[in-house]
N, C-alpha and C. Protein backbone atom coordinates (compact mmCIF):
# COMPACT_ATOMS: atom_id res chain seq x y z
N MET A 1 0.60 -1.30 -0.12
CA MET A 1 0.48 -0.35 0.11
C MET A 1 1.04 1.31 -0.24
N SER A 2 0.32 1.97 -0.98
CA SER A 2 1.20 3.01 -1.01
C SER A 2 1.43 4.46 0.48
N TYR A 3 1.51 5.39 0.30
CA TYR A 3 1.93 6.30 1.68
C TYR A 3 0.60 7.08 1.40
N SER A 4 0.41 7.23 -0.26
CA SER A 4 -0.67 8.16 -0.14
C SER A 4 -2.20 7.70 0.24
N LYS A 5 -2.10 5.98 0.03
CA LYS A 5 -3.43 5.54 0.23
C LYS A 5 -3.58 5.40 1.62
N ILE A 6 -2.14 4.94 2.51
CA ILE A 6 -2.51 5.34 3.65
C ILE A 6 -2.73 6.69 3.98
N GLY A 7 -1.89 7.87 3.81
CA GLY A 7 -2.64 9.08 4.61
C GLY A 7 -3.93 9.07 4.32
N LYS A 8 -4.98 9.32 2.53
CA LYS A 8 -6.14 9.22 2.42
C LYS A 8 -6.88 8.44 4.07
N TRP A 9 -6.77 6.82 4.00
CA TRP A 9 -7.12 5.93 4.84
C TRP A 9 -7.55 6.96 6.36
N ARG A 10 -5.99 7.09 7.00
CA ARG A 10 -6.04 7.83 8.28
C ARG A 10 -7.26 9.28 8.46
N LEU A 11 -6.90 9.98 6.79
CA LEU A 11 -7.87 11.23 6.61
C LEU A 11 -9.36 10.91 6.94
N SER A 12 -9.72 9.76 6.48
CA SER A 12 -10.99 9.44 6.47
C SER A 12 -11.59 8.84 8.30
N ILE A 13 -10.84 7.89 8.49
CA ILE A 13 -10.60 8.11 9.79
C ILE A 13 -11.03 8.93 10.74
N ARG A 14 -9.55 9.76 10.42
CA ARG A 14 -9.97 10.81 11.47
C ARG A 14 -11.61 11.81 11.15
N LYS A 15 -12.26 11.87 9.99
CA LYS A 15 -13.06 12.45 9.83
C LYS A 15 -14.23 11.25 10.39
N VAL A 16 -14.80 10.62 10.30
CA VAL A 16 -15.12 9.62 10.61
C VAL A 16 -15.25 10.12 12.47
N LEU A 17 -14.59 10.54 13.24
CA LEU A 17 -13.85 10.03 14.46
C LEU A 17 -14.71 11.44 14.84
N ILE A 18 -14.24 12.68 14.26
CA ILE A 18 -14.56 13.62 15.00
C ILE A 18 -15.98 13.92 14.53
N LYS A 19 -16.75 13.39 13.01
CA LYS A 19 -18.58 13.41 13.21
C LYS A 19 -18.88 12.54 14.68
N ILE A 20 -18.45 11.54 14.67
CA ILE A 20 -19.12 10.89 15.98
C ILE A 20 -18.92 11.54 17.58
N ALA A 21 -17.47 12.19 17.40
CA ALA A 21 -17.75 12.88 18.86
C ALA A 21 -18.42 14.48 18.80
N SER A 22 -18.49 14.73 17.30
CA SER A 22 -19.69 15.97 17.71
C SER A 22 -20.61 15.25 17.86
N VAL A 23 -20.99 14.19 17.63
CA VAL A 23 -22.81 14.03 17.84
C VAL A 23 -23.23 13.57 19.38
N PHE A 24 -22.05 12.55 19.92
CA PHE A 24 -21.69 12.01 20.80
C PHE A 24 -21.83 13.78 22.16
N TYR A 25 -21.02 14.61 21.91
CA TYR A 25 -20.97 15.57 22.34
C TYR A 25 -22.19 16.36 22.82
N ARG A 26 -22.85 16.55 21.57
CA ARG A 26 -24.01 17.23 21.33
C ARG A 26 -25.04 16.64 22.42
N GLN A 27 -25.33 14.97 22.40
CA GLN A 27 -25.72 14.60 23.55
C GLN A 27 -25.57 14.56 25.20
N LEU A 28 -24.29 15.16 25.57
CA LEU A 28 -23.46 15.41 26.49
C LEU A 28 -23.38 16.36 26.77
N ASP A 29 -24.69 16.00 28.11
CA ASP A 29 -24.49 17.58 29.31
C ASP A 29 -24.79 17.64 29.99
N ASP A 30 -23.94 17.91 31.48
CA ASP A 30 -24.00 17.77 32.71
C ASP A 30 -25.22 18.54 33.23
N ARG A 31 -25.30 17.89 34.08
CA ARG A 31 -26.69 18.73 34.94
C ARG A 31 -26.11 18.36 36.64
N PHE A 32 -27.18 20.05 37.03
CA PHE A 32 -26.84 19.34 38.50
C PHE A 32 -28.26 18.85 39.02
N VAL A 33 -27.52 18.42 39.89
CA VAL A 33 -28.76 17.16 40.80
C VAL A 33 -29.02 17.68 42.04
N SER A 34 -29.54 18.26 42.64
CA SER A 34 -29.74 18.40 43.93
C SER A 34 -29.23 17.69 45.07
N GLU A 35 -28.15 17.55 45.62
CA GLU A 35 -27.78 16.22 46.83
C GLU A 35 -29.01 16.48 47.87
N PRO A 36 -29.65 14.82 48.22
CA PRO A 36 -30.24 14.84 49.52
C PRO A 36 -29.47 16.28 50.64
N HIS A 37 -30.85 16.86 50.83
CA HIS A 37 -30.56 17.83 52.20
C HIS A 37 -31.81 17.47 53.17
N LYS A 38 -32.01 17.87 54.35
CA LYS A 38 -33.19 18.17 54.89
C LYS A 38 -33.92 19.05 54.60
N LEU A 39 -33.62 20.55 54.12
CA LEU A 39 -34.64 21.17 53.97
C LEU A 39 -35.50 21.17 51.81
N LEU A 40 -34.96 20.27 51.36
CA LEU A 40 -35.35 19.54 50.42
C LEU A 40 -36.51 18.50 50.23
N LYS A 41 -37.68 18.99 49.91
CA LYS A 41 -38.13 17.50 49.53
C LYS A 41 -38.81 16.49 48.69
N LYS A 42 -38.11 17.64 47.56
CA LYS A 42 -38.17 16.81 46.18
C LYS A 42 -36.78 17.62 45.53
N THR A 43 -36.24 16.47 44.12
CA THR A 43 -35.03 17.05 44.11
C THR A 43 -35.10 17.94 42.50
N LEU A 44 -34.41 18.69 42.64
CA LEU A 44 -34.12 19.38 41.46
C LEU A 44 -32.75 19.62 40.18
N VAL A 45 -33.51 19.51 39.10
CA VAL A 45 -32.50 19.17 38.19
C VAL A 45 -32.40 20.79 37.54
N MET A 46 -31.07 20.72 36.16
CA MET A 46 -30.95 21.75 35.96
C MET A 46 -29.82 21.28 35.05
N ARG A 47 -30.52 21.17 33.71
CA ARG A 47 -28.98 21.36 32.49
C ARG A 47 -27.99 22.37 32.11
N SER A 48 -26.68 21.93 32.40
CA SER A 48 -25.84 23.55 31.76
C SER A 48 -25.31 23.45 30.71
N HIS A 49 -26.53 23.18 29.52
CA HIS A 49 -26.57 23.18 28.17
C HIS A 49 -24.96 23.48 27.50
N ARG A 50 -24.28 22.48 27.93
CA ARG A 50 -22.09 22.41 27.79
C ARG A 50 -21.74 23.29 28.27
N TYR A 51 -22.25 23.66 29.68
CA TYR A 51 -22.20 24.65 30.78
C TYR A 51 -21.95 26.38 29.95
N SER A 52 -22.92 26.37 29.13
CA SER A 52 -23.24 27.75 28.82
C SER A 52 -24.05 28.33 30.12
N ASP A 53 -25.09 27.96 30.64
CA ASP A 53 -25.60 28.51 31.27
C ASP A 53 -24.73 28.67 33.07
N GLN A 54 -24.59 30.01 33.30
CA GLN A 54 -23.67 30.14 34.04
C GLN A 54 -24.32 29.86 35.70
N ILE A 55 -25.32 29.87 35.70
CA ILE A 55 -26.17 29.34 36.70
C ILE A 55 -25.55 28.33 37.11
N CYS A 56 -25.90 26.67 36.18
CA CYS A 56 -25.74 26.04 36.68
C CYS A 56 -24.67 25.57 36.63
N THR A 57 -23.67 26.41 35.78
CA THR A 57 -22.31 25.64 35.99
C THR A 57 -21.56 25.94 37.12
N ASN A 58 -22.70 27.44 38.03
CA ASN A 58 -21.67 27.51 39.48
C ASN A 58 -22.48 26.52 40.39
N LEU A 59 -23.77 25.75 39.74
CA LEU A 59 -24.61 24.87 40.97
C LEU A 59 -23.46 23.65 40.86
N ILE A 60 -23.14 22.88 39.42
CA ILE A 60 -22.17 21.91 39.33
C ILE A 60 -21.04 22.36 40.31
N ARG A 61 -20.38 23.50 39.94
CA ARG A 61 -18.76 23.47 40.80
C ARG A 61 -19.17 23.89 42.74
N PHE A 62 -19.83 24.37 43.01
CA PHE A 62 -19.94 24.79 44.06
C PHE A 62 -21.27 24.18 45.09
N GLY A 63 -22.48 24.34 44.31
CA GLY A 63 -23.53 23.37 44.77
C GLY A 63 -24.62 24.22 45.36
N TRP A 64 -25.65 24.30 45.22
CA TRP A 64 -26.68 25.06 46.13
C TRP A 64 -26.60 25.65 46.80
N GLU A 65 -26.27 25.59 47.66
CA GLU A 65 -25.29 26.05 49.16
C GLU A 65 -23.93 27.27 49.04
N GLY A 66 -23.14 26.76 47.47
CA GLY A 66 -22.11 27.90 47.62
C GLY A 66 -22.91 28.86 46.29
N TYR A 67 -24.10 29.28 46.07
CA TYR A 67 -24.20 30.17 44.78
C TYR A 67 -24.90 30.83 45.23
N GLU A 68 -24.24 32.53 45.67
CA GLU A 68 -25.05 33.39 45.91
C GLU A 68 -25.86 33.36 47.74
N SER A 69 -24.81 32.88 47.90
CA SER A 69 -24.89 32.38 49.34
C SER A 69 -25.28 34.07 50.42
N PRO A 70 -26.26 33.89 51.19
CA PRO A 70 -26.51 33.02 51.45
C PRO A 70 -27.95 32.67 51.43
N PHE A 71 -28.71 33.22 50.06
CA PHE A 71 -30.28 33.38 49.75
C PHE A 71 -30.29 31.86 49.34
N PRO A 72 -29.58 31.00 48.69
CA PRO A 72 -30.33 29.31 48.96
C PRO A 72 -30.22 28.88 50.21
N SER A 73 -30.39 28.97 51.18
CA SER A 73 -30.43 28.55 52.11
C SER A 73 -31.39 29.21 52.95
N LEU A 74 -31.69 30.73 52.49
CA LEU A 74 -33.46 31.22 53.24
C LEU A 74 -34.33 30.72 52.72
N ILE A 75 -34.05 31.03 51.21
CA ILE A 75 -35.25 30.19 50.26
C ILE A 75 -35.42 28.81 51.18
N ALA A 76 -34.69 28.35 51.17
CA ALA A 76 -35.08 26.56 51.36
C ALA A 76 -35.25 27.35 52.91
N ARG A 77 -34.75 27.41 53.54
CA ARG A 77 -35.26 27.46 54.72
C ARG A 77 -37.06 27.84 54.87
N ILE A 78 -37.84 29.18 54.22
CA ILE A 78 -38.55 29.29 54.35
C ILE A 78 -39.39 28.81 53.96
N CYS A 79 -39.29 28.72 53.06
CA CYS A 79 -39.98 26.91 51.77
C CYS A 79 -40.69 25.47 52.39
N ASN A 80 -39.55 25.55 53.89
CA ASN A 80 -39.79 24.96 53.79
C ASN A 80 -40.68 24.20 54.83
N ARG A 81 -41.26 25.32 55.53
CA ARG A 81 -42.05 25.83 56.33
C ARG A 81 -43.78 25.68 56.39
N GLY A 82 -43.65 25.24 54.80
CA GLY A 82 -45.06 25.50 54.07
C GLY A 82 -46.05 26.33 54.16
N ASN A 83 -46.90 26.36 53.50
CA ASN A 83 -48.00 27.44 52.77
C ASN A 83 -47.26 28.88 53.36
N ILE A 84 -46.39 28.35 51.47
CA ILE A 84 -45.80 29.59 51.04
C ILE A 84 -45.85 29.68 49.35
N VAL A 85 -45.79 31.31 49.25
CA VAL A 85 -46.60 31.27 47.86
C VAL A 85 -45.30 31.49 46.97
N PHE A 86 -44.54 31.34 46.72
CA PHE A 86 -43.10 32.80 45.74
C PHE A 86 -43.48 33.55 44.90
N VAL A 87 -42.56 34.31 44.19
CA VAL A 87 -42.74 34.78 43.20
C VAL A 87 -41.51 34.47 42.66
N ASP A 88 -41.17 34.31 41.49
CA ASP A 88 -39.44 34.75 41.20
C ASP A 88 -39.74 35.66 40.30
N VAL A 89 -39.14 37.08 40.23
CA VAL A 89 -39.48 38.02 39.39
C VAL A 89 -37.83 38.21 38.26
N GLY A 90 -37.42 37.43 37.31
CA GLY A 90 -36.06 37.74 36.61
C GLY A 90 -36.15 36.16 37.30
N ALA A 91 -36.46 35.63 36.83
CA ALA A 91 -36.47 33.43 36.80
C ALA A 91 -35.47 32.82 36.03
N ASN A 92 -34.63 33.66 35.12
CA ASN A 92 -33.54 33.25 34.36
C ASN A 92 -33.61 31.56 34.37
N THR A 93 -32.81 30.77 34.66
CA THR A 93 -33.15 29.28 33.86
C THR A 93 -33.71 28.44 34.88
N GLY A 94 -34.26 29.03 35.90
CA GLY A 94 -35.12 29.20 37.01
C GLY A 94 -34.56 27.80 38.45
N PHE A 95 -33.25 28.38 38.77
CA PHE A 95 -32.80 27.99 40.01
C PHE A 95 -33.40 28.12 41.04
N TYR A 96 -33.92 29.47 41.68
CA TYR A 96 -34.62 29.81 42.73
C TYR A 96 -36.20 29.38 42.41
N SER A 97 -36.77 29.00 41.86
CA SER A 97 -38.21 28.67 41.75
C SER A 97 -37.78 27.27 42.16
N LEU A 98 -37.14 26.88 41.07
CA LEU A 98 -36.81 25.09 41.64
C LEU A 98 -36.27 24.84 43.46
N LEU A 99 -35.46 25.40 43.65
CA LEU A 99 -35.49 25.14 44.66
C LEU A 99 -36.42 25.78 45.85
N ALA A 100 -37.11 26.76 45.35
CA ALA A 100 -38.42 26.86 46.49
C ALA A 100 -39.16 26.03 46.63
N CYS A 101 -39.60 25.59 45.16
CA CYS A 101 -40.67 24.11 45.12
C CYS A 101 -40.56 22.87 45.72
N SER A 102 -38.99 23.08 45.67
CA SER A 102 -38.27 21.50 45.98
C SER A 102 -38.25 21.68 47.33
N ALA A 103 -38.58 22.67 47.69
CA ALA A 103 -38.26 23.44 49.42
C ALA A 103 -39.56 23.09 50.05
N GLY A 104 -40.54 22.69 49.20
CA GLY A 104 -41.67 22.91 50.07
C GLY A 104 -43.16 24.06 49.83
N ALA A 105 -42.68 25.08 48.50
CA ALA A 105 -43.33 25.91 48.67
C ALA A 105 -44.96 25.61 47.96
N GLU A 106 -46.17 25.69 48.36
CA GLU A 106 -47.21 25.71 47.94
C GLU A 106 -47.52 25.83 46.58
N GLU A 107 -47.11 26.99 46.57
CA GLU A 107 -47.33 27.93 45.06
C GLU A 107 -46.14 28.37 44.44
N VAL A 108 -45.42 28.46 43.17
CA VAL A 108 -44.59 29.08 43.00
C VAL A 108 -45.04 29.47 41.36
N PHE A 109 -45.00 30.96 41.24
CA PHE A 109 -44.49 31.81 40.04
C PHE A 109 -43.82 32.49 39.87
N SER A 110 -43.08 32.49 38.07
CA SER A 110 -41.81 32.75 37.58
C SER A 110 -42.30 33.33 36.70
N PHE A 111 -41.61 34.88 36.75
CA PHE A 111 -41.67 35.64 35.28
C PHE A 111 -40.14 35.84 34.93
N GLU A 112 -40.72 35.41 34.06
CA GLU A 112 -39.09 35.97 33.02
C GLU A 112 -39.31 36.22 31.00
N PRO A 113 -38.69 37.45 31.01
CA PRO A 113 -39.20 37.96 29.24
C PRO A 113 -38.70 37.29 28.31
N VAL A 114 -37.18 37.05 28.75
CA VAL A 114 -36.85 36.22 27.15
C VAL A 114 -37.21 34.84 27.25
N VAL A 115 -38.08 35.02 26.11
CA VAL A 115 -38.11 34.21 26.27
C VAL A 115 -37.77 32.36 25.47
N GLU A 116 -36.06 32.90 25.02
CA GLU A 116 -35.35 31.67 24.61
C GLU A 116 -34.66 31.30 26.63
N ILE A 117 -34.64 32.20 27.57
CA ILE A 117 -34.13 31.76 28.92
C ILE A 117 -35.80 30.76 29.57
N ALA A 118 -36.76 31.47 29.48
CA ALA A 118 -38.25 31.15 30.11
C ALA A 118 -38.05 29.90 28.91
N ARG A 119 -37.49 29.14 28.02
CA ARG A 119 -37.62 27.81 27.49
C ARG A 119 -37.01 26.63 27.98
N ILE A 120 -35.59 27.78 28.22
CA ILE A 120 -34.63 26.91 28.99
C ILE A 120 -34.63 26.30 30.52
N MET A 121 -35.72 27.32 31.49
CA MET A 121 -36.12 26.83 32.31
C MET A 121 -37.38 25.92 32.22
N ARG A 122 -38.47 26.21 30.69
CA ARG A 122 -39.34 25.16 31.57
C ARG A 122 -38.66 23.59 31.02
N ASP A 123 -37.54 23.50 30.29
CA ASP A 123 -37.05 22.04 30.22
C ASP A 123 -36.43 21.63 31.33
N ASN A 124 -35.53 22.93 32.40
CA ASN A 124 -35.26 22.10 33.51
C ASN A 124 -36.09 21.70 34.86
N VAL A 125 -37.83 23.29 34.64
CA VAL A 125 -38.78 22.67 35.55
C VAL A 125 -39.24 21.31 35.26
N ARG A 126 -39.22 20.71 34.02
CA ARG A 126 -40.23 19.38 33.24
C ARG A 126 -38.98 18.58 33.62
N LEU A 127 -37.30 18.41 33.59
CA LEU A 127 -36.65 17.67 33.84
C LEU A 127 -36.92 17.54 35.55
N SER A 128 -37.00 18.46 36.10
CA SER A 128 -37.44 17.82 37.34
C SER A 128 -38.74 17.55 37.78
N GLY A 129 -39.28 17.24 37.28
CA GLY A 129 -40.90 16.81 37.74
C GLY A 129 -41.65 18.09 38.27
N LEU A 130 -41.50 19.23 37.63
CA LEU A 130 -42.04 20.18 39.39
C LEU A 130 -42.96 20.96 37.56
N ASP A 131 -43.72 20.41 36.93
CA ASP A 131 -44.25 20.97 35.47
C ASP A 131 -45.79 21.37 35.78
N SER A 132 -46.37 20.97 37.25
CA SER A 132 -47.68 20.59 37.82
C SER A 132 -47.32 21.70 39.20
N SER A 133 -46.32 22.06 39.40
CA SER A 133 -46.09 23.18 40.69
C SER A 133 -45.40 24.97 40.33
N ILE A 134 -44.81 24.37 39.06
CA ILE A 134 -44.41 25.99 38.97
C ILE A 134 -45.20 26.72 37.04
N GLU A 135 -45.98 27.90 37.79
CA GLU A 135 -46.27 28.44 37.07
C GLU A 135 -45.21 29.06 36.05
N ILE A 136 -44.67 29.53 35.05
CA ILE A 136 -44.12 30.59 34.25
C ILE A 136 -44.56 31.53 33.32
N HIS A 137 -44.46 32.47 33.15
CA HIS A 137 -44.64 33.60 32.41
C HIS A 137 -44.06 34.13 32.08
N ASP A 138 -43.74 34.13 30.55
CA ASP A 138 -42.94 34.75 29.68
C ASP A 138 -43.38 36.92 29.65
N LEU A 139 -43.11 37.19 30.57
CA LEU A 139 -43.13 38.69 30.56
C LEU A 139 -42.28 39.27 31.85
N ALA A 140 -41.94 40.02 32.33
CA ALA A 140 -41.32 41.13 33.33
C ALA A 140 -42.51 41.77 33.99
N LEU A 141 -42.25 42.09 34.98
CA LEU A 141 -43.19 42.68 36.13
C LEU A 141 -42.67 44.22 36.13
N SER A 142 -43.35 45.41 36.39
CA SER A 142 -43.55 46.40 36.77
C SER A 142 -44.44 46.84 37.25
N ASN A 143 -44.46 47.98 37.86
CA ASN A 143 -45.06 48.83 38.71
C ASN A 143 -45.73 49.74 37.66
N GLN A 144 -45.32 49.87 36.21
CA GLN A 144 -46.19 50.74 35.07
C GLN A 144 -46.81 49.64 34.17
N ILE A 145 -47.88 50.19 33.91
CA ILE A 145 -48.14 49.38 32.41
C ILE A 145 -47.75 49.69 31.83
N GLY A 146 -47.72 48.81 30.21
CA GLY A 146 -46.58 49.52 29.15
C GLY A 146 -45.43 47.72 28.25
N ARG A 147 -45.43 48.79 27.40
CA ARG A 147 -44.26 47.93 27.25
C ARG A 147 -42.73 48.32 26.50
N VAL A 148 -41.99 47.72 27.24
CA VAL A 148 -40.04 48.67 27.54
C VAL A 148 -39.66 47.55 26.48
N ARG A 149 -38.85 47.79 25.48
CA ARG A 149 -37.67 47.46 25.13
C ARG A 149 -36.44 46.46 26.16
N ILE A 150 -36.08 45.58 26.13
CA ILE A 150 -35.26 44.94 26.70
C ILE A 150 -34.19 44.68 26.45
N TRP A 151 -32.85 44.87 26.43
CA TRP A 151 -31.38 44.88 26.13
C TRP A 151 -30.76 43.67 26.46
N ILE A 152 -30.46 43.03 25.63
CA ILE A 152 -29.99 41.71 25.94
C ILE A 152 -28.52 41.98 25.34
N PRO A 153 -27.33 41.53 26.13
CA PRO A 153 -25.80 41.51 26.04
C PRO A 153 -25.62 40.95 24.81
N SER A 154 -24.90 41.08 24.15
CA SER A 154 -24.07 39.45 23.22
C SER A 154 -23.32 38.75 23.80
N SER A 155 -23.66 37.41 23.75
CA SER A 155 -22.41 36.52 24.65
C SER A 155 -22.27 35.54 23.47
N ALA A 156 -21.54 35.05 23.23
CA ALA A 156 -21.73 33.75 22.09
C ALA A 156 -21.34 32.10 22.56
N ARG A 157 -21.07 32.47 24.21
CA ARG A 157 -20.47 31.39 25.01
C ARG A 157 -21.45 31.10 25.73
N SER A 158 -22.29 32.31 26.60
CA SER A 158 -22.95 31.52 27.44
C SER A 158 -24.43 32.19 27.67
N ILE A 159 -25.71 31.46 27.65
CA ILE A 159 -26.69 32.13 28.25
C ILE A 159 -26.42 33.25 28.87
N GLU A 160 -26.88 33.66 27.91
CA GLU A 160 -26.68 35.68 29.05
C GLU A 160 -28.28 35.89 29.64
N THR A 161 -27.87 35.84 31.41
CA THR A 161 -28.53 35.63 31.59
C THR A 161 -29.61 37.83 32.58
N SER A 162 -27.79 38.81 32.07
CA SER A 162 -28.69 40.20 32.94
C SER A 162 -28.82 40.85 32.16
N ALA A 163 -30.18 40.34 31.55
CA ALA A 163 -30.91 41.23 30.39
C ALA A 163 -31.65 42.39 31.00
N SER A 164 -31.57 43.45 30.45
CA SER A 164 -32.28 44.95 31.49
C SER A 164 -32.55 45.80 30.48
N ILE A 165 -33.67 46.68 31.04
CA ILE A 165 -34.42 47.32 30.11
C ILE A 165 -33.31 48.67 29.84
N ASP A 166 -31.85 48.58 30.63
CA ASP A 166 -31.24 50.02 30.66
C ASP A 166 -29.34 48.92 29.77
N PRO A 167 -29.39 49.63 28.91
CA PRO A 167 -28.59 49.20 27.93
C PRO A 167 -26.84 49.77 28.59
């Protein structure tokens, strides 16, 4: 077999391996799954979307008590008492809504005006099996009636969760 045929053969094997790897990595997605905890009555699950969800990535790295401390513990303690209605304004990909619901909130109302982010939140709620407990609204809340333009910073690598009415 000549060297040129071997070179072509290696090249085609490399292309096949790259194709297999790209399909595999597209299916592979790390998740944050809450560890058993005395304050949580249900497990919560969030997909990292190949580590583009900054919130989920921090949860994977530090756990729910290591993200924006002390808020997760406070929310879990309050919701664990029961008979709580939790309202999440600017819910992003849903961590606090999921945490409140899994800790025992009776009702959870989540508001996320960025449609793409609300879609990811719905996926996280579905993965956690909490569809019937969390009500998601694709809108922003304000003290005024009307419409306003939302500015979303461009980010090629991550799911942008810092939308604002102020550019």
